[in-house]
Amino acid sequence: MPDEKQPRAIDNRRARFEYEFFERFEAGIALTGTEIKSIRTGQISISEAYARVRDGELWLLGMHVPPYKEGSFSNHEPNRPRKLLMHRKEIDRLAGQVAEKGYTLVPTRLYFKGGKVKIDLALARGKKLWDKRRATKDRETARELARAVRR
C-alpha cells in the first residue's frame, strides 16, 4: 500500500512536446535530507532539467528543489547539480550516444520507488518547429474525433 504522504509522480510534460524520445532509463538520485523532505511536498520542477556525463559520472542539472520550509541553516542549494546513480556500462553507453548522435538526456518523470527517489531519463532529440505543429494538429484532430464519437 503506497504511503499517503508521498506525492504521485512528477511528470515533465514539456519534454514530451519539445523532444522526440528514443530510449528510456531509470536512475537513482543522490540527495540530502532536506531535499528529500522538500521533494515529498511535491513542489519541485524538472521542466528545465537535463542530464550530462562529466568525468564518467552522470549529473542532473537544472532541477529546482525549493528549500525545505522547516529546514535550518544547513538547508540545501535549490539548483545545485545532483549526481545520478546508474551502472557504469549504462553511463558509458549513454555518453557515447550523446556525443556521437547529437542526442540529449531529458528527465521525464520523478517518483518514489521503495522509499527512494527515482528519475526516468529519456535519450531524446529536439523536435523541429514543423514536428511540433504536426503534433499539435494530430492532438486536436484526436480531440475532435473523440467529441464526435461521444455525440
Protein backbone atom coordinates (compact mmCIF):
# COMPACT_ATOMS: atom_id res chain seq x y z
CA MET A 1 0.00 0.00 0.00
CA PRO A 2 1.56 3.33 -1.03
CA ASP A 3 2.29 5.92 1.61
CA GLU A 4 -0.36 8.65 1.61
CA LYS A 5 2.23 11.37 2.34
CA GLN A 6 4.30 10.71 -0.77
CA PRO A 7 3.34 12.68 -3.87
CA ARG A 8 2.45 10.99 -7.08
CA ALA A 9 4.95 11.03 -9.89
CA ILE A 10 6.04 14.44 -11.12
CA ASP A 11 5.89 14.46 -14.90
CA ASN A 12 7.81 16.64 -17.33
CA ARG A 13 5.01 17.33 -19.81
CA ARG A 14 7.04 19.99 -21.58
CA ALA A 15 9.66 17.40 -22.56
CA ARG A 16 7.07 15.38 -24.49
CA PHE A 17 6.31 18.45 -26.57
CA GLU A 18 9.90 19.62 -27.06
CA TYR A 19 11.67 16.28 -27.66
CA GLU A 20 11.30 13.01 -29.52
CA PHE A 21 12.16 10.08 -27.20
CA PHE A 22 14.14 7.07 -28.36
CA GLU A 23 15.05 5.14 -25.21
CA ARG A 24 14.20 5.38 -21.50
CA PHE A 25 16.28 4.67 -18.40
CA GLU A 26 15.69 4.63 -14.66
CA ALA A 27 18.26 6.21 -12.34
CA GLY A 28 18.54 6.96 -8.65
CA ILE A 29 19.45 10.40 -7.32
CA ALA A 30 21.95 11.22 -4.56
CA LEU A 31 20.11 13.73 -2.34
CA THR A 32 20.49 15.35 1.06
CA GLY A 33 17.96 15.04 3.89
CA THR A 34 16.27 18.40 3.37
CA GLU A 35 15.98 17.74 -0.38
CA ILE A 36 14.05 14.52 0.26
CA LYS A 37 11.68 16.33 2.61
CA SER A 38 11.17 19.11 0.09
CA ILE A 39 10.54 16.61 -2.75
CA ARG A 40 7.90 14.87 -0.62
CA THR A 41 5.93 18.13 -0.58
CA GLY A 42 5.78 17.91 -4.40
CA GLN A 43 6.89 21.49 -5.08
CA ILE A 44 9.80 20.65 -7.40
CA SER A 45 10.34 21.47 -11.06
CA ILE A 46 12.06 19.25 -13.63
CA SER A 47 10.83 21.09 -16.72
CA GLU A 48 14.16 22.89 -17.24
CA ALA A 49 16.35 19.96 -16.16
CA TYR A 50 18.74 17.90 -18.26
CA ALA A 51 21.45 15.31 -17.62
CA ARG A 52 25.13 15.42 -18.60
CA VAL A 53 28.02 12.97 -18.37
CA ARG A 54 31.06 14.57 -16.72
CA ASP A 55 34.23 12.66 -15.81
CA GLY A 56 32.46 9.31 -16.18
CA GLU A 57 29.61 10.31 -13.85
CA LEU A 58 26.03 11.25 -14.69
CA TRP A 59 24.79 14.60 -13.32
CA LEU A 60 21.32 16.16 -13.30
CA LEU A 61 21.43 19.92 -13.88
CA GLY A 62 18.65 22.50 -13.71
CA MET A 63 16.26 20.63 -11.39
CA HIS A 64 14.76 23.12 -8.93
CA VAL A 65 14.09 21.78 -5.44
CA PRO A 66 12.92 24.67 -3.21
CA PRO A 67 14.47 24.93 0.25
CA TYR A 68 12.64 22.99 2.94
CA LYS A 69 10.48 25.38 4.98
CA GLU A 70 11.26 23.83 8.34
CA GLY A 71 14.95 23.44 7.48
CA SER A 72 17.72 25.14 9.40
CA PHE A 73 20.85 27.00 8.30
CA SER A 74 22.08 23.77 6.68
CA ASN A 75 19.35 23.80 4.03
CA HIS A 76 20.30 22.72 0.50
CA GLU A 77 21.02 24.86 -2.55
CA PRO A 78 17.86 24.88 -4.77
CA ASN A 79 19.53 24.45 -8.19
CA ARG A 80 22.68 22.51 -7.32
CA PRO A 81 23.88 19.70 -9.63
CA ARG A 82 22.73 16.29 -8.39
CA LYS A 83 24.52 13.04 -9.07
CA LEU A 84 22.52 10.31 -10.80
CA LEU A 85 23.14 6.69 -9.90
CA MET A 86 23.37 4.18 -12.77
CA HIS A 87 25.59 1.26 -13.69
CA ARG A 88 28.95 2.17 -15.22
CA LYS A 89 28.23 0.33 -18.50
CA GLU A 90 24.96 2.22 -18.97
CA ILE A 91 26.65 5.57 -18.31
CA ASP A 92 29.43 4.80 -20.79
CA ARG A 93 26.92 3.74 -23.45
CA LEU A 94 24.84 6.88 -22.91
CA ALA A 95 27.94 9.08 -23.07
CA GLY A 96 28.84 7.58 -26.44
CA GLN A 97 25.34 8.07 -27.88
CA VAL A 98 25.06 11.65 -26.64
CA ALA A 99 28.47 12.55 -28.06
CA GLU A 100 28.11 10.84 -31.45
CA LYS A 101 24.48 11.15 -32.48
CA GLY A 102 23.55 14.54 -31.05
CA TYR A 103 21.08 13.24 -28.50
CA THR A 104 20.43 14.70 -25.08
CA LEU A 105 19.27 13.19 -21.78
CA VAL A 106 15.99 14.63 -20.56
CA PRO A 107 14.19 13.73 -17.30
CA THR A 108 10.60 12.67 -17.97
CA ARG A 109 9.33 11.57 -14.53
CA LEU A 110 10.40 11.77 -10.90
CA TYR A 111 8.80 9.33 -8.47
CA PHE A 112 9.25 7.32 -5.29
CA LYS A 113 10.01 3.61 -5.52
CA GLY A 114 10.54 1.65 -2.34
CA GLY A 115 11.12 4.83 -0.34
CA LYS A 116 13.81 6.08 -2.71
CA VAL A 117 13.56 8.83 -5.29
CA LYS A 118 13.95 7.62 -8.88
CA ILE A 119 14.02 9.55 -12.11
CA ASP A 120 13.18 8.37 -15.61
CA LEU A 121 15.60 9.69 -18.21
CA ALA A 122 14.92 9.65 -21.93
CA LEU A 123 17.50 9.64 -24.68
CA ALA A 124 15.95 12.33 -26.85
CA ARG A 125 16.44 14.62 -29.80
CA GLY A 126 14.84 18.07 -30.05
CA LYS A 127 11.83 18.38 -32.33
CA LYS A 128 11.79 20.87 -35.16
CA LEU A 129 9.07 23.53 -35.37
CA TRP A 130 7.10 21.62 -38.03
CA ASP A 131 7.18 18.48 -35.88
CA LYS A 132 5.63 20.45 -33.01
CA ARG A 133 2.96 21.85 -35.32
CA ARG A 134 2.14 18.37 -36.60
CA ALA A 135 1.89 17.02 -33.04
CA THR A 136 -0.49 19.84 -32.09
CA LYS A 137 -2.61 19.24 -35.20
CA ASP A 138 -2.78 15.48 -34.54
CA ARG A 139 -3.80 16.10 -30.92
CA GLU A 140 -6.59 18.50 -31.99
CA THR A 141 -7.84 16.01 -34.60
CA ALA A 142 -7.96 13.25 -32.00
CA ARG A 143 -9.98 15.50 -29.66
CA GLU A 144 -12.48 16.33 -32.42
CA LEU A 145 -12.90 12.63 -33.23
CA ALA A 146 -13.47 11.81 -29.57
CA ARG A 147 -16.13 14.55 -29.33
CA ALA A 148 -17.86 13.25 -32.45
CA VAL A 149 -17.89 9.69 -31.10
CA ARG A 150 -19.42 10.85 -27.79
CA ARG A 151 -22.32 12.55 -29.60
